[in-house]
Amino acid sequence: MPRPFRVLATRAETADTTTLTMEPVDGTPLGFSAGQFTMIGSFGGSEAPISVTSSPAAGGPIEQTIRDMGGVTHALATAAPGDILTVRGPYGTGWNVTDGAGGDLVIVAGGIGLAPLRSALLEVLAARSGYRRVCLLYGARSPAEQVFRDDLARWGGGEGGVALDVTVDRADPGWPGRVGLVTNLIPGAEFDPARTLALVCGPEVMMRFVAAALTDADVPAGRIRVSLERNMKCGIGLCGHCQLRELFICTDGPVLPYDRVADLMALREL
Protein backbone atom coordinates (compact mmCIF):
# COMPACT_ATOMS: atom_id res chain seq x y z
CA MET A 1 0.00 0.00 0.00
CA PRO A 2 1.24 3.52 -0.73
CA ARG A 3 2.40 5.60 2.21
CA PRO A 4 2.03 9.39 2.32
CA PHE A 5 5.32 11.31 2.35
CA ARG A 6 5.67 15.05 2.89
CA VAL A 7 8.07 17.04 0.72
CA LEU A 8 10.43 18.92 3.02
CA ALA A 9 12.71 20.58 0.47
CA THR A 10 13.56 20.62 -3.21
CA ARG A 11 16.92 21.15 -4.90
CA ALA A 12 17.41 21.83 -8.60
CA GLU A 13 20.18 19.62 -9.99
CA THR A 14 19.87 20.62 -13.64
CA ALA A 15 17.29 22.44 -15.79
CA ASP A 16 15.08 19.34 -15.81
CA THR A 17 16.17 17.35 -12.75
CA THR A 18 15.17 17.92 -9.13
CA THR A 19 16.03 16.22 -5.87
CA LEU A 20 13.19 15.93 -3.35
CA THR A 21 13.78 15.54 0.38
CA MET A 22 10.78 13.75 1.90
CA GLU A 23 9.69 12.35 5.23
CA PRO A 24 6.98 9.79 6.04
CA VAL A 25 3.86 11.39 7.45
CA ASP A 26 3.46 8.53 9.93
CA GLY A 27 7.00 9.06 11.26
CA THR A 28 8.22 5.53 10.48
CA PRO A 29 11.51 5.74 8.52
CA LEU A 30 11.76 4.00 5.17
CA GLY A 31 14.38 1.25 5.38
CA PHE A 32 16.13 0.56 2.09
CA SER A 33 19.33 -0.74 0.56
CA ALA A 34 21.50 1.35 -1.74
CA GLY A 35 20.33 0.73 -5.30
CA GLN A 36 16.69 0.02 -4.48
CA PHE A 37 13.82 2.14 -5.81
CA THR A 38 10.36 3.21 -4.76
CA MET A 39 7.20 3.84 -6.74
CA ILE A 40 6.40 7.53 -6.19
CA GLY A 41 3.07 9.07 -7.14
CA SER A 42 0.82 12.04 -6.59
CA PHE A 43 -2.72 11.77 -5.30
CA GLY A 44 -5.02 11.30 -8.28
CA GLY A 45 -2.04 10.65 -10.54
CA SER A 46 0.10 7.73 -11.63
CA GLU A 47 3.42 6.45 -10.27
CA ALA A 48 7.03 6.33 -11.45
CA PRO A 49 9.94 4.16 -10.27
CA ILE A 50 12.61 6.39 -8.71
CA SER A 51 15.85 5.29 -7.03
CA VAL A 52 16.62 6.46 -3.51
CA THR A 53 19.70 8.70 -3.63
CA SER A 54 20.36 9.28 0.07
CA SER A 55 22.43 7.15 2.42
CA PRO A 56 20.70 3.98 3.67
CA ALA A 57 22.39 4.50 7.03
CA ALA A 58 21.09 8.04 7.57
CA GLY A 59 17.53 7.24 8.68
CA GLY A 60 14.87 9.93 8.80
CA PRO A 61 14.08 11.83 5.57
CA ILE A 62 15.03 10.33 2.22
CA GLU A 63 16.18 11.97 -1.01
CA GLN A 64 15.02 10.97 -4.48
CA THR A 65 16.15 12.57 -7.72
CA ILE A 66 13.63 12.93 -10.55
CA ARG A 67 14.07 13.96 -14.17
CA ASP A 68 11.06 15.79 -15.65
CA MET A 69 10.35 13.62 -18.72
CA GLY A 70 6.56 13.45 -18.96
CA GLY A 71 3.27 13.99 -17.20
CA VAL A 72 3.94 11.75 -14.21
CA THR A 73 7.51 12.84 -13.55
CA HIS A 74 6.56 16.48 -14.18
CA ALA A 75 4.05 16.32 -11.32
CA LEU A 76 6.72 14.83 -9.06
CA ALA A 77 9.64 17.04 -10.11
CA THR A 78 7.58 20.19 -9.61
CA ALA A 79 6.29 19.25 -6.15
CA ALA A 80 6.78 21.97 -3.56
CA PRO A 81 7.66 21.81 0.15
CA GLY A 82 4.56 20.79 2.07
CA ASP A 83 3.09 18.72 -0.76
CA ILE A 84 2.11 15.13 0.00
CA LEU A 85 3.21 12.36 -2.36
CA THR A 86 2.63 8.61 -2.20
CA VAL A 87 5.51 6.15 -1.84
CA ARG A 88 5.47 2.36 -2.23
CA GLY A 89 8.44 0.16 -1.56
CA PRO A 90 11.35 -0.08 -1.42
CA TYR A 91 11.62 -2.62 -4.21
CA GLY A 92 14.29 -4.47 -6.14
CA THR A 93 17.86 -5.52 -5.56
CA GLY A 94 20.65 -3.35 -4.17
CA TRP A 95 24.33 -2.80 -4.95
CA ASN A 96 25.50 -4.83 -1.91
CA VAL A 97 28.65 -2.72 -1.64
CA THR A 98 29.97 -4.72 1.30
CA ASP A 99 30.90 -7.42 -1.23
CA GLY A 100 33.76 -5.11 -2.17
CA ALA A 101 35.02 -4.54 1.38
CA GLY A 102 38.75 -4.94 1.75
CA GLY A 103 39.37 -4.23 -1.93
CA ASP A 104 38.78 -1.54 -4.52
CA LEU A 105 35.42 -0.05 -5.44
CA VAL A 106 35.05 1.49 -8.91
CA ILE A 107 31.86 3.48 -9.57
CA VAL A 108 31.15 4.54 -13.15
CA ALA A 109 28.16 6.82 -13.75
CA GLY A 110 26.69 8.54 -16.77
CA GLY A 111 24.42 11.56 -16.40
CA ILE A 112 21.55 11.02 -13.98
CA GLY A 113 22.90 7.49 -13.52
CA LEU A 114 24.85 8.98 -10.63
CA ALA A 115 21.57 9.18 -8.67
CA PRO A 116 21.18 5.46 -7.77
CA LEU A 117 24.96 5.24 -7.29
CA ARG A 118 25.09 8.16 -4.86
CA SER A 119 23.44 6.09 -2.12
CA ALA A 120 26.05 3.36 -2.61
CA LEU A 121 28.90 5.86 -2.46
CA LEU A 122 27.50 7.49 0.69
CA GLU A 123 27.22 4.05 2.30
CA VAL A 124 30.85 3.32 1.43
CA LEU A 125 32.06 6.69 2.72
CA ALA A 126 30.37 5.97 6.06
CA ALA A 127 32.67 2.93 6.32
CA ARG A 128 35.58 4.25 4.23
CA SER A 129 38.29 2.43 6.22
CA GLY A 130 36.86 -0.87 5.01
CA TYR A 131 37.88 -0.22 1.39
CA ARG A 132 41.37 0.07 -0.05
CA ARG A 133 40.53 2.49 -2.86
CA VAL A 134 37.30 4.18 -3.99
CA CYS A 135 37.14 5.55 -7.54
CA LEU A 136 34.28 7.56 -9.02
CA LEU A 137 34.33 8.06 -12.80
CA TYR A 138 31.53 10.38 -13.93
CA GLY A 139 30.51 11.48 -17.40
CA ALA A 140 27.79 13.92 -18.46
CA ARG A 141 26.74 15.41 -21.77
CA SER A 142 27.76 18.91 -20.67
CA PRO A 143 28.81 20.68 -17.46
CA ALA A 144 25.26 22.01 -17.07
CA GLU A 145 23.88 18.47 -17.05
CA GLN A 146 25.99 17.25 -14.13
CA VAL A 147 23.97 16.27 -11.07
CA PHE A 148 25.08 16.58 -7.42
CA ARG A 149 27.64 19.27 -8.27
CA ASP A 150 28.13 20.19 -4.61
CA ASP A 151 28.99 16.56 -3.85
CA LEU A 152 31.35 16.41 -6.82
CA ALA A 153 33.13 19.54 -5.60
CA ARG A 154 33.62 18.02 -2.14
CA TRP A 155 34.75 14.64 -3.42
CA GLY A 156 37.02 16.28 -5.99
CA GLY A 157 38.55 18.29 -3.17
CA GLY A 158 39.57 15.10 -1.42
CA GLU A 159 36.70 14.75 1.05
CA GLY A 160 36.04 11.13 1.92
CA GLY A 161 39.08 9.75 0.15
CA VAL A 162 37.35 9.43 -3.22
CA ALA A 163 39.49 9.37 -6.38
CA LEU A 164 37.22 11.41 -8.66
CA ASP A 165 37.60 11.85 -12.41
CA VAL A 166 34.98 13.73 -14.45
CA THR A 167 34.44 14.20 -18.17
CA VAL A 168 31.81 15.79 -20.43
CA ASP A 169 30.81 15.05 -24.03
CA ARG A 170 30.56 18.74 -24.93
CA ALA A 171 32.56 21.43 -23.14
CA ASP A 172 31.18 24.88 -22.42
CA PRO A 173 33.47 27.92 -22.68
CA GLY A 174 35.64 27.95 -19.58
CA TRP A 175 35.25 24.24 -18.80
CA PRO A 176 38.64 23.24 -17.37
CA GLY A 177 38.16 19.50 -17.26
CA ARG A 178 38.25 16.52 -19.57
CA VAL A 179 36.18 16.15 -22.74
CA GLY A 180 35.24 12.72 -24.03
CA LEU A 181 33.44 9.53 -23.15
CA VAL A 182 33.48 8.19 -19.60
CA THR A 183 35.03 4.96 -20.90
CA ASN A 184 38.19 6.98 -21.61
CA LEU A 185 38.65 7.43 -17.85
CA ILE A 186 38.95 3.72 -17.10
CA PRO A 187 42.54 3.13 -18.33
CA GLY A 188 43.81 5.94 -16.09
CA ALA A 189 41.97 4.82 -12.96
CA GLU A 190 44.08 3.05 -10.36
CA PHE A 191 42.54 -0.20 -9.14
CA ASP A 192 43.50 -3.83 -8.71
CA PRO A 193 41.18 -5.74 -11.07
CA ALA A 194 41.46 -8.93 -9.03
CA ARG A 195 40.17 -7.08 -5.95
CA THR A 196 37.67 -4.76 -7.64
CA LEU A 197 33.91 -4.49 -7.38
CA ALA A 198 32.56 -2.21 -10.14
CA LEU A 199 29.16 -0.50 -10.04
CA VAL A 200 27.84 0.99 -13.28
CA CYS A 201 24.73 3.04 -14.07
CA GLY A 202 23.80 5.25 -16.99
CA PRO A 203 22.34 4.93 -20.49
CA GLU A 204 22.34 1.30 -21.56
CA VAL A 205 24.74 1.79 -24.45
CA MET A 206 27.15 3.51 -22.07
CA MET A 207 26.93 0.61 -19.62
CA ARG A 208 27.73 -1.91 -22.38
CA PHE A 209 30.89 -0.06 -23.38
CA VAL A 210 31.92 0.55 -19.76
CA ALA A 211 31.47 -3.13 -18.90
CA ALA A 212 33.53 -4.09 -21.95
CA ALA A 213 36.29 -1.66 -20.93
CA LEU A 214 36.29 -3.04 -17.39
CA THR A 215 36.50 -6.65 -18.57
CA ASP A 216 39.31 -5.62 -20.93
CA ALA A 217 41.03 -4.31 -17.79
CA ASP A 218 40.66 -7.81 -16.30
CA VAL A 219 37.78 -7.08 -13.91
CA PRO A 220 35.70 -10.31 -13.81
CA ALA A 221 32.27 -9.88 -15.40
CA GLY A 222 30.70 -11.31 -12.24
CA ARG A 223 32.25 -8.45 -10.26
CA ILE A 224 30.64 -5.81 -12.47
CA ARG A 225 27.12 -4.75 -11.50
CA VAL A 226 24.77 -2.71 -13.67
CA SER A 227 21.44 -1.09 -12.90
CA LEU A 228 18.85 -1.65 -15.62
CA GLU A 229 15.84 0.55 -16.23
CA ARG A 230 12.61 -0.66 -17.78
CA ASN A 231 9.00 0.51 -17.90
CA MET A 232 7.90 -0.51 -14.41
CA LYS A 233 4.25 -0.21 -13.40
CA CYS A 234 3.59 -2.50 -10.44
CA GLY A 235 7.06 -2.85 -8.89
CA ILE A 236 6.32 -6.39 -7.68
CA GLY A 237 6.73 -8.58 -10.78
CA LEU A 238 3.05 -8.99 -11.69
CA CYS A 239 2.27 -6.65 -14.59
CA GLY A 240 5.04 -7.74 -16.96
CA HIS A 241 5.89 -4.25 -18.21
CA CYS A 242 9.54 -4.57 -17.15
CA GLN A 243 10.10 -8.14 -18.38
CA LEU A 244 13.44 -8.73 -20.09
CA ARG A 245 13.30 -12.33 -21.37
CA GLU A 246 13.20 -14.43 -18.17
CA LEU A 247 13.89 -11.46 -15.89
CA PHE A 248 11.49 -9.05 -14.23
CA ILE A 249 13.66 -5.99 -13.63
CA CYS A 250 11.55 -4.75 -10.70
CA THR A 251 12.17 -7.94 -8.70
CA ASP A 252 15.24 -9.63 -10.22
CA GLY A 253 16.89 -6.19 -10.63
CA PRO A 254 17.36 -3.36 -11.12
CA VAL A 255 20.93 -4.18 -9.99
CA LEU A 256 22.26 -7.29 -11.72
CA PRO A 257 25.69 -8.84 -12.28
CA TYR A 258 26.91 -8.10 -15.78
CA ASP A 259 27.70 -11.73 -16.56
CA ARG A 260 23.99 -12.51 -16.10
CA VAL A 261 22.70 -9.83 -18.49
CA ALA A 262 25.52 -9.26 -20.99
CA ASP A 263 23.77 -11.18 -23.78
CA LEU A 264 20.45 -9.45 -23.06
CA MET A 265 22.01 -5.98 -23.13
CA ALA A 266 23.59 -6.80 -26.48
CA LEU A 267 20.19 -7.32 -28.12
CA ARG A 268 18.63 -4.42 -29.98
CA GLU A 269 15.17 -3.59 -28.70
CA LEU A 270 12.44 -3.07 -31.28
Foldseek 3Di string as FASTA:
>chain_A
DWFKKFFAAWDDFFPFKIKTKIFTPVRAWDQDAQAWWKWKFAVVTATDTWAWQAANPPTGITMTMAGPDDDTSVVVNPDHGGGIMIIDDRFFDHLPCCVLFPFEEEEEEEQCQVRSVNNVVVNCLVVVVRYDAYEYQYEYQEPNRHGPVVVVVCVVVCPSRYHYAYEHCDYDPPDPHHHDQSLVCVVVDDGDLVSYQYEYEDPLVSVLSNLVSSVVVVNDQQSYKYFDDFGDHPLPPDPPRQDQPPDRCSHHHRIDRCVVCVVSSPDDDD
